[in-house]
């Protein structure tokens, strides 16, 4: 059997880390995912998909994602049956997130996304090189070994 799902969307609200009575960390969150076609009003319909993550994945999500963050959620679909307060039988469908990835870089001055803790070095300019110091002259083509 195969149960694998991959979605990309934006967090609807800030994720809130919670703990089970036995101390296992968990976070429930909703991702807004736009469809790839326009409706009759010219708008892209949006699905709001409920997700849940556990342990290290939950802690990672609560630390680095917030409302509006664009993320890729990888996991599996899980259904559960339950009863509401009026005794009506209900069914919920959630994605159990195994991995959540950043889908955009951090915007200037805003939260969300990821910025590495290093600077990318700039490439040297050609003016920094002196051809006479760095390269030796090659004689006639007859002296080349190939």
N, C-alpha and C. Protein backbone atom coordinates (compact mmCIF):
# COMPACT_ATOMS: atom_id res chain seq x y z
N UNK A 1 0.84 -1.19 0.00
CA UNK A 1 0.00 0.00 0.00
C UNK A 1 0.89 1.25 0.00
N UNK A 2 0.36 2.30 -0.56
CA UNK A 2 1.11 3.55 -0.62
C UNK A 2 0.24 4.68 -0.11
N UNK A 3 0.75 5.43 0.83
CA UNK A 3 0.04 6.58 1.38
C UNK A 3 1.08 7.68 1.55
N UNK A 4 1.25 8.48 0.53
CA UNK A 4 2.26 9.55 0.53
C UNK A 4 1.62 10.80 -0.06
N UNK A 5 1.82 11.94 0.59
CA UNK A 5 1.25 13.18 0.10
C UNK A 5 2.31 14.28 0.20
N UNK A 6 2.25 15.20 -0.75
CA UNK A 6 3.17 16.33 -0.81
C UNK A 6 2.36 17.55 -1.22
N UNK A 7 2.30 18.55 -0.34
CA UNK A 7 1.56 19.77 -0.65
C UNK A 7 2.44 20.99 -0.39
N UNK A 8 2.12 22.10 -1.06
CA UNK A 8 2.81 23.35 -0.81
C UNK A 8 1.75 24.42 -0.61
N UNK A 9 1.87 25.16 0.47
CA UNK A 9 0.93 26.22 0.76
C UNK A 9 1.42 27.10 1.89
N UNK A 10 0.54 27.99 2.32
CA UNK A 10 0.89 28.95 3.37
C UNK A 10 0.20 28.61 4.68
N UNK A 11 0.94 28.81 5.79
CA UNK A 11 0.37 28.61 7.12
C UNK A 11 -0.76 29.61 7.34
N UNK A 12 -1.90 29.12 7.81
CA UNK A 12 -3.07 29.96 8.04
C UNK A 12 -2.94 30.73 9.36
N UNK A 13 -2.25 30.13 10.33
CA UNK A 13 -2.05 30.78 11.63
C UNK A 13 -0.70 30.38 12.18
N UNK A 14 -0.27 31.06 13.23
CA UNK A 14 0.98 30.68 13.89
C UNK A 14 0.83 29.31 14.54
N UNK A 15 1.76 28.40 14.29
CA UNK A 15 1.66 27.09 14.92
C UNK A 15 1.95 27.20 16.42
N UNK A 16 1.20 26.44 17.22
CA UNK A 16 1.37 26.46 18.67
C UNK A 16 1.78 25.07 19.15
N UNK A 17 2.96 24.98 19.71
CA UNK A 17 3.49 23.72 20.20
C UNK A 17 2.77 23.31 21.48
N UNK A 18 2.32 22.06 21.52
CA UNK A 18 1.66 21.52 22.72
C UNK A 18 2.32 20.20 23.07
N UNK A 19 1.98 19.69 24.24
CA UNK A 19 2.55 18.43 24.72
C UNK A 19 1.44 17.50 25.19
N UNK A 20 1.60 16.22 24.88
CA UNK A 20 0.67 15.22 25.38
C UNK A 20 0.93 15.01 26.86
N UNK A 21 0.01 14.36 27.58
CA UNK A 21 0.26 14.09 29.00
C UNK A 21 1.56 13.31 29.25
N UNK A 22 2.00 12.53 28.27
CA UNK A 22 3.25 11.78 28.45
C UNK A 22 4.48 12.58 28.01
N UNK A 23 4.28 13.84 27.59
CA UNK A 23 5.41 14.72 27.27
C UNK A 23 5.84 14.74 25.82
N UNK A 24 5.07 14.15 24.91
CA UNK A 24 5.42 14.15 23.49
C UNK A 24 4.95 15.46 22.86
N UNK A 25 5.86 16.14 22.15
CA UNK A 25 5.51 17.42 21.53
C UNK A 25 4.70 17.20 20.25
N UNK A 26 3.72 18.08 20.03
CA UNK A 26 2.87 18.00 18.85
C UNK A 26 2.43 19.41 18.44
N UNK A 27 2.13 19.56 17.18
CA UNK A 27 1.61 20.82 16.69
C UNK A 27 0.59 20.50 15.59
N UNK A 28 -0.56 21.16 15.66
CA UNK A 28 -1.58 21.06 14.61
C UNK A 28 -1.58 22.39 13.87
N UNK A 29 -1.68 22.33 12.55
CA UNK A 29 -1.67 23.55 11.76
C UNK A 29 -2.47 23.33 10.48
N UNK A 30 -2.86 24.43 9.86
CA UNK A 30 -3.62 24.38 8.62
C UNK A 30 -2.82 25.09 7.54
N UNK A 31 -2.78 24.48 6.35
CA UNK A 31 -2.07 25.04 5.22
C UNK A 31 -3.09 25.39 4.14
N UNK A 32 -3.04 26.62 3.63
CA UNK A 32 -3.90 27.06 2.54
C UNK A 32 -3.21 26.76 1.22
N UNK A 33 -3.87 25.96 0.38
CA UNK A 33 -3.30 25.52 -0.90
C UNK A 33 -4.23 25.97 -2.02
N UNK A 34 -3.71 26.78 -2.92
CA UNK A 34 -4.51 27.25 -4.06
C UNK A 34 -4.55 26.18 -5.14
N UNK A 35 -5.69 26.07 -5.79
CA UNK A 35 -5.81 25.13 -6.91
C UNK A 35 -5.18 25.73 -8.15
N UNK A 36 -4.98 24.91 -9.18
CA UNK A 36 -4.28 25.33 -10.39
C UNK A 36 -5.20 25.86 -11.47
N UNK A 37 -6.44 26.13 -11.16
CA UNK A 37 -7.37 26.65 -12.16
C UNK A 37 -8.22 27.74 -11.54
N UNK A 38 -8.81 28.57 -12.39
CA UNK A 38 -9.66 29.66 -11.93
C UNK A 38 -11.12 29.21 -11.94
N UNK A 39 -11.89 29.73 -10.98
CA UNK A 39 -13.32 29.43 -10.96
C UNK A 39 -14.05 30.41 -11.88
N UNK A 40 -15.38 30.38 -11.86
CA UNK A 40 -16.17 31.21 -12.78
C UNK A 40 -15.98 32.71 -12.51
N UNK A 41 -15.50 33.06 -11.31
CA UNK A 41 -15.25 34.48 -10.97
C UNK A 41 -13.83 34.91 -11.27
N UNK A 42 -13.03 34.01 -11.84
CA UNK A 42 -11.65 34.33 -12.17
C UNK A 42 -10.69 34.21 -11.00
N UNK A 43 -11.13 33.57 -9.92
CA UNK A 43 -10.30 33.40 -8.72
C UNK A 43 -9.80 31.96 -8.64
N UNK A 44 -8.64 31.77 -8.00
CA UNK A 44 -8.13 30.43 -7.75
C UNK A 44 -8.74 29.93 -6.45
N UNK A 45 -9.55 28.86 -6.48
CA UNK A 45 -10.10 28.32 -5.23
C UNK A 45 -8.98 27.86 -4.31
N UNK A 46 -9.23 27.95 -3.02
CA UNK A 46 -8.22 27.56 -2.03
C UNK A 46 -8.77 26.46 -1.14
N UNK A 47 -7.96 25.44 -0.91
CA UNK A 47 -8.29 24.38 0.03
C UNK A 47 -7.51 24.63 1.31
N UNK A 48 -8.16 24.40 2.45
CA UNK A 48 -7.52 24.55 3.75
C UNK A 48 -7.32 23.15 4.31
N UNK A 49 -6.07 22.72 4.37
CA UNK A 49 -5.74 21.34 4.70
C UNK A 49 -5.15 21.27 6.10
N UNK A 50 -5.79 20.46 6.95
CA UNK A 50 -5.34 20.28 8.32
C UNK A 50 -4.17 19.31 8.37
N UNK A 51 -3.17 19.66 9.18
CA UNK A 51 -1.96 18.85 9.31
C UNK A 51 -1.62 18.72 10.79
N UNK A 52 -0.88 17.68 11.11
CA UNK A 52 -0.38 17.48 12.47
C UNK A 52 1.04 16.94 12.37
N UNK A 53 1.89 17.37 13.30
CA UNK A 53 3.27 16.89 13.35
C UNK A 53 3.60 16.52 14.79
N UNK A 54 4.56 15.63 14.93
CA UNK A 54 4.94 15.12 16.24
C UNK A 54 6.44 15.26 16.47
N UNK A 55 6.82 15.29 17.71
CA UNK A 55 8.20 15.25 18.19
C UNK A 55 9.09 16.32 17.54
N UNK A 56 10.23 15.92 16.97
CA UNK A 56 11.19 16.89 16.42
C UNK A 56 10.60 17.72 15.29
N UNK A 57 9.76 17.10 14.46
CA UNK A 57 9.14 17.85 13.37
C UNK A 57 8.24 18.94 13.93
N UNK A 58 7.50 18.64 14.97
CA UNK A 58 6.62 19.63 15.61
C UNK A 58 7.43 20.78 16.20
N UNK A 59 8.53 20.46 16.84
CA UNK A 59 9.37 21.51 17.43
C UNK A 59 10.00 22.38 16.35
N UNK A 60 10.43 21.77 15.25
CA UNK A 60 10.99 22.51 14.13
C UNK A 60 9.96 23.48 13.54
N UNK A 61 8.75 23.00 13.35
CA UNK A 61 7.68 23.84 12.78
C UNK A 61 7.38 25.02 13.69
N UNK A 62 7.23 24.75 14.99
CA UNK A 62 6.89 25.84 15.91
C UNK A 62 7.99 26.87 16.02
N UNK A 63 9.22 26.46 15.77
CA UNK A 63 10.36 27.37 15.89
C UNK A 63 10.55 28.24 14.64
N UNK A 64 10.31 27.69 13.45
CA UNK A 64 10.71 28.38 12.23
C UNK A 64 9.58 28.83 11.31
N UNK A 65 8.34 28.46 11.58
CA UNK A 65 7.23 28.84 10.71
C UNK A 65 6.23 29.68 11.46
N UNK A 66 5.54 30.53 10.73
CA UNK A 66 4.50 31.37 11.31
C UNK A 66 3.42 31.61 10.27
N UNK A 67 2.39 32.32 10.66
CA UNK A 67 1.29 32.63 9.76
C UNK A 67 1.85 33.27 8.48
N UNK A 68 1.44 32.75 7.32
CA UNK A 68 1.88 33.28 6.04
C UNK A 68 3.11 32.62 5.47
N UNK A 69 3.84 31.82 6.25
CA UNK A 69 5.04 31.15 5.74
C UNK A 69 4.65 30.14 4.67
N UNK A 70 5.41 30.15 3.57
CA UNK A 70 5.20 29.18 2.50
C UNK A 70 6.02 27.94 2.80
N UNK A 71 5.37 26.78 2.80
CA UNK A 71 6.05 25.55 3.19
C UNK A 71 5.61 24.39 2.31
N UNK A 72 6.48 23.41 2.22
CA UNK A 72 6.16 22.13 1.59
C UNK A 72 6.01 21.12 2.71
N UNK A 73 4.86 20.45 2.73
CA UNK A 73 4.57 19.46 3.76
C UNK A 73 4.58 18.08 3.10
N UNK A 74 5.39 17.18 3.65
CA UNK A 74 5.48 15.82 3.15
C UNK A 74 5.01 14.89 4.25
N UNK A 75 4.09 13.99 3.92
CA UNK A 75 3.61 13.09 4.94
C UNK A 75 2.63 12.08 4.39
N UNK A 76 1.69 11.67 5.23
CA UNK A 76 0.68 10.69 4.84
C UNK A 76 -0.69 11.17 5.31
N UNK A 77 -1.73 10.67 4.65
CA UNK A 77 -3.10 11.03 5.01
C UNK A 77 -3.59 10.05 6.06
N UNK A 78 -4.26 10.61 7.07
CA UNK A 78 -4.80 9.79 8.14
C UNK A 78 -6.24 10.23 8.40
N UNK A 79 -7.14 9.28 8.52
CA UNK A 79 -8.53 9.59 8.86
C UNK A 79 -8.80 9.16 10.29
N UNK A 80 -9.73 9.84 10.92
CA UNK A 80 -10.14 9.45 12.28
C UNK A 80 -11.62 9.74 12.45
N UNK A 81 -12.29 8.86 13.15
CA UNK A 81 -13.70 9.02 13.46
C UNK A 81 -13.84 9.49 14.90
N UNK A 82 -14.81 10.41 15.12
CA UNK A 82 -15.01 10.93 16.45
C UNK A 82 -16.46 11.39 16.60
N UNK A 83 -16.83 11.72 17.82
CA UNK A 83 -18.18 12.19 18.10
C UNK A 83 -18.12 13.61 18.61
N UNK A 84 -18.98 14.48 18.06
CA UNK A 84 -19.01 15.86 18.54
C UNK A 84 -19.80 15.95 19.84
N UNK A 85 -19.93 17.15 20.40
CA UNK A 85 -20.57 17.31 21.71
C UNK A 85 -22.07 17.00 21.67
N UNK A 86 -22.66 16.98 20.46
CA UNK A 86 -24.07 16.64 20.33
C UNK A 86 -24.29 15.16 20.03
N UNK A 87 -23.22 14.37 20.02
CA UNK A 87 -23.33 12.95 19.78
C UNK A 87 -23.34 12.57 18.30
N UNK A 88 -23.10 13.53 17.41
CA UNK A 88 -23.05 13.24 15.97
C UNK A 88 -21.71 12.62 15.61
N UNK A 89 -21.75 11.59 14.76
CA UNK A 89 -20.51 10.97 14.33
C UNK A 89 -19.85 11.83 13.25
N UNK A 90 -18.57 12.05 13.40
CA UNK A 90 -17.79 12.88 12.49
C UNK A 90 -16.57 12.12 11.99
N UNK A 91 -16.03 12.59 10.88
CA UNK A 91 -14.81 12.01 10.33
C UNK A 91 -13.89 13.16 9.95
N UNK A 92 -12.63 13.05 10.32
CA UNK A 92 -11.63 14.07 9.98
C UNK A 92 -10.54 13.44 9.14
N UNK A 93 -10.01 14.25 8.23
CA UNK A 93 -8.89 13.82 7.39
C UNK A 93 -7.75 14.81 7.64
N UNK A 94 -6.60 14.30 8.03
CA UNK A 94 -5.42 15.13 8.32
C UNK A 94 -4.22 14.59 7.57
N UNK A 95 -3.26 15.46 7.36
CA UNK A 95 -1.95 15.03 6.89
C UNK A 95 -1.06 14.93 8.11
N UNK A 96 -0.46 13.76 8.31
CA UNK A 96 0.53 13.59 9.37
C UNK A 96 1.88 13.92 8.73
N UNK A 97 2.44 15.06 9.12
CA UNK A 97 3.66 15.58 8.50
C UNK A 97 4.89 14.84 8.99
N UNK A 98 5.61 14.25 8.05
CA UNK A 98 6.89 13.63 8.37
C UNK A 98 8.02 14.64 8.25
N UNK A 99 7.92 15.50 7.23
CA UNK A 99 8.92 16.54 6.97
C UNK A 99 8.21 17.80 6.50
N UNK A 100 8.74 18.94 6.91
CA UNK A 100 8.24 20.23 6.44
C UNK A 100 9.46 21.03 5.98
N UNK A 101 9.36 21.58 4.77
CA UNK A 101 10.49 22.28 4.16
C UNK A 101 10.14 23.74 3.90
N UNK A 102 11.16 24.60 3.93
CA UNK A 102 10.98 25.99 3.56
C UNK A 102 10.74 26.06 2.06
N UNK A 103 9.77 26.85 1.63
CA UNK A 103 9.47 26.97 0.20
C UNK A 103 9.78 28.37 -0.32
N UNK A 104 10.34 29.21 0.53
CA UNK A 104 10.75 30.55 0.11
C UNK A 104 11.88 31.01 1.03
N UNK A 105 12.64 31.96 0.54
CA UNK A 105 13.70 32.50 1.39
C UNK A 105 13.11 33.58 2.29
N UNK A 106 13.84 33.91 3.32
CA UNK A 106 13.38 34.94 4.24
C UNK A 106 13.36 36.28 3.53
N UNK A 107 12.24 36.96 3.68
CA UNK A 107 12.12 38.28 3.07
C UNK A 107 12.84 39.32 3.92
N UNK A 108 13.29 40.39 3.29
CA UNK A 108 14.03 41.43 4.01
C UNK A 108 13.20 42.02 5.13
N UNK A 109 13.72 41.92 6.34
CA UNK A 109 13.09 42.55 7.48
C UNK A 109 11.84 41.87 7.98
N UNK A 110 11.46 40.72 7.47
CA UNK A 110 10.26 40.06 7.94
C UNK A 110 10.60 38.71 8.55
N UNK A 111 9.70 38.20 9.32
CA UNK A 111 9.89 36.89 9.95
C UNK A 111 9.49 35.80 8.98
N UNK A 112 9.80 34.57 9.33
CA UNK A 112 9.44 33.43 8.49
C UNK A 112 10.55 33.12 7.53
N UNK A 113 10.57 31.92 7.02
CA UNK A 113 11.62 31.53 6.09
C UNK A 113 12.92 31.24 6.82
N UNK A 114 13.98 31.14 6.09
CA UNK A 114 15.26 30.74 6.66
C UNK A 114 16.38 31.57 6.06
N UNK A 115 17.28 32.01 6.90
CA UNK A 115 18.46 32.72 6.44
C UNK A 115 19.68 32.00 7.00
N UNK A 116 20.61 31.58 6.16
CA UNK A 116 21.76 30.86 6.67
C UNK A 116 22.63 31.76 7.55
N UNK A 117 23.40 31.15 8.45
CA UNK A 117 24.26 31.90 9.36
C UNK A 117 25.65 32.08 8.78
N UNK A 118 25.77 32.37 7.51
CA UNK A 118 27.05 32.62 6.89
C UNK A 118 26.85 33.58 5.73
N UNK A 119 27.95 34.21 5.33
CA UNK A 119 27.90 35.12 4.19
C UNK A 119 28.50 34.43 2.98
N UNK A 120 27.89 34.65 1.85
CA UNK A 120 28.42 34.09 0.62
C UNK A 120 29.56 34.98 0.16
N UNK A 121 30.77 34.43 -0.02
CA UNK A 121 31.88 35.28 -0.43
C UNK A 121 31.67 35.80 -1.85
N UNK A 122 32.16 37.01 -2.08
CA UNK A 122 32.04 37.58 -3.43
C UNK A 122 33.15 37.03 -4.31
N UNK A 123 32.85 36.92 -5.58
CA UNK A 123 33.84 36.42 -6.53
C UNK A 123 34.91 37.48 -6.75
N UNK A 124 36.17 37.08 -6.90
CA UNK A 124 37.24 38.07 -7.13
C UNK A 124 37.07 38.69 -8.52
N UNK A 125 37.47 39.93 -8.62
CA UNK A 125 37.41 40.59 -9.93
C UNK A 125 38.69 40.29 -10.71
N UNK A 126 38.63 40.44 -12.01
CA UNK A 126 39.79 40.14 -12.85
C UNK A 126 40.93 41.12 -12.61
N UNK A 127 40.63 42.30 -12.09
CA UNK A 127 41.68 43.28 -11.83
C UNK A 127 42.60 42.83 -10.71
N UNK A 128 42.15 41.88 -9.89
CA UNK A 128 42.96 41.42 -8.77
C UNK A 128 44.09 40.49 -9.23
N UNK A 129 44.02 40.00 -10.45
CA UNK A 129 45.01 39.05 -10.95
C UNK A 129 46.05 39.75 -11.81
N UNK A 130 47.29 39.35 -11.63
CA UNK A 130 48.37 39.85 -12.48
C UNK A 130 48.89 38.64 -13.25
N UNK A 131 48.63 38.61 -14.54
CA UNK A 131 48.96 37.45 -15.37
C UNK A 131 50.44 37.08 -15.29
N UNK A 132 51.33 38.06 -15.14
CA UNK A 132 52.76 37.76 -15.11
C UNK A 132 53.14 37.02 -13.84
N UNK A 133 52.47 37.28 -12.74
CA UNK A 133 52.80 36.62 -11.48
C UNK A 133 52.19 35.22 -11.37
N UNK A 134 51.03 35.02 -11.95
CA UNK A 134 50.30 33.77 -11.75
C UNK A 134 50.54 32.72 -12.82
N UNK A 135 51.03 33.11 -13.98
CA UNK A 135 51.15 32.16 -15.08
C UNK A 135 52.56 32.20 -15.67
N UNK A 136 53.05 31.04 -16.04
CA UNK A 136 54.36 30.96 -16.68
C UNK A 136 54.16 30.92 -18.20
N UNK A 137 55.10 31.51 -18.91
CA UNK A 137 55.04 31.49 -20.37
C UNK A 137 55.36 30.09 -20.88
N UNK A 138 54.66 29.67 -21.89
CA UNK A 138 54.90 28.38 -22.52
C UNK A 138 55.62 28.66 -23.81
N UNK A 139 56.64 27.84 -24.07
CA UNK A 139 57.46 28.03 -25.27
C UNK A 139 56.70 27.62 -26.54
N UNK A 140 57.44 27.22 -27.52
CA UNK A 140 56.89 26.83 -28.80
C UNK A 140 55.99 25.60 -28.63
N UNK A 141 55.09 25.39 -29.57
CA UNK A 141 54.21 24.25 -29.55
C UNK A 141 54.99 22.94 -29.65
N UNK A 142 56.20 23.00 -30.20
CA UNK A 142 57.00 21.78 -30.33
C UNK A 142 57.45 21.24 -28.98
N UNK A 143 57.50 22.10 -27.94
CA UNK A 143 57.95 21.69 -26.63
C UNK A 143 56.83 21.05 -25.78
N UNK A 144 55.58 21.14 -26.24
CA UNK A 144 54.47 20.61 -25.46
C UNK A 144 54.47 19.08 -25.53
N UNK A 145 54.17 18.42 -24.42
CA UNK A 145 54.20 16.95 -24.39
C UNK A 145 53.01 16.28 -25.06
N UNK A 146 52.07 17.02 -25.54
CA UNK A 146 50.87 16.40 -26.14
C UNK A 146 50.56 16.99 -27.50
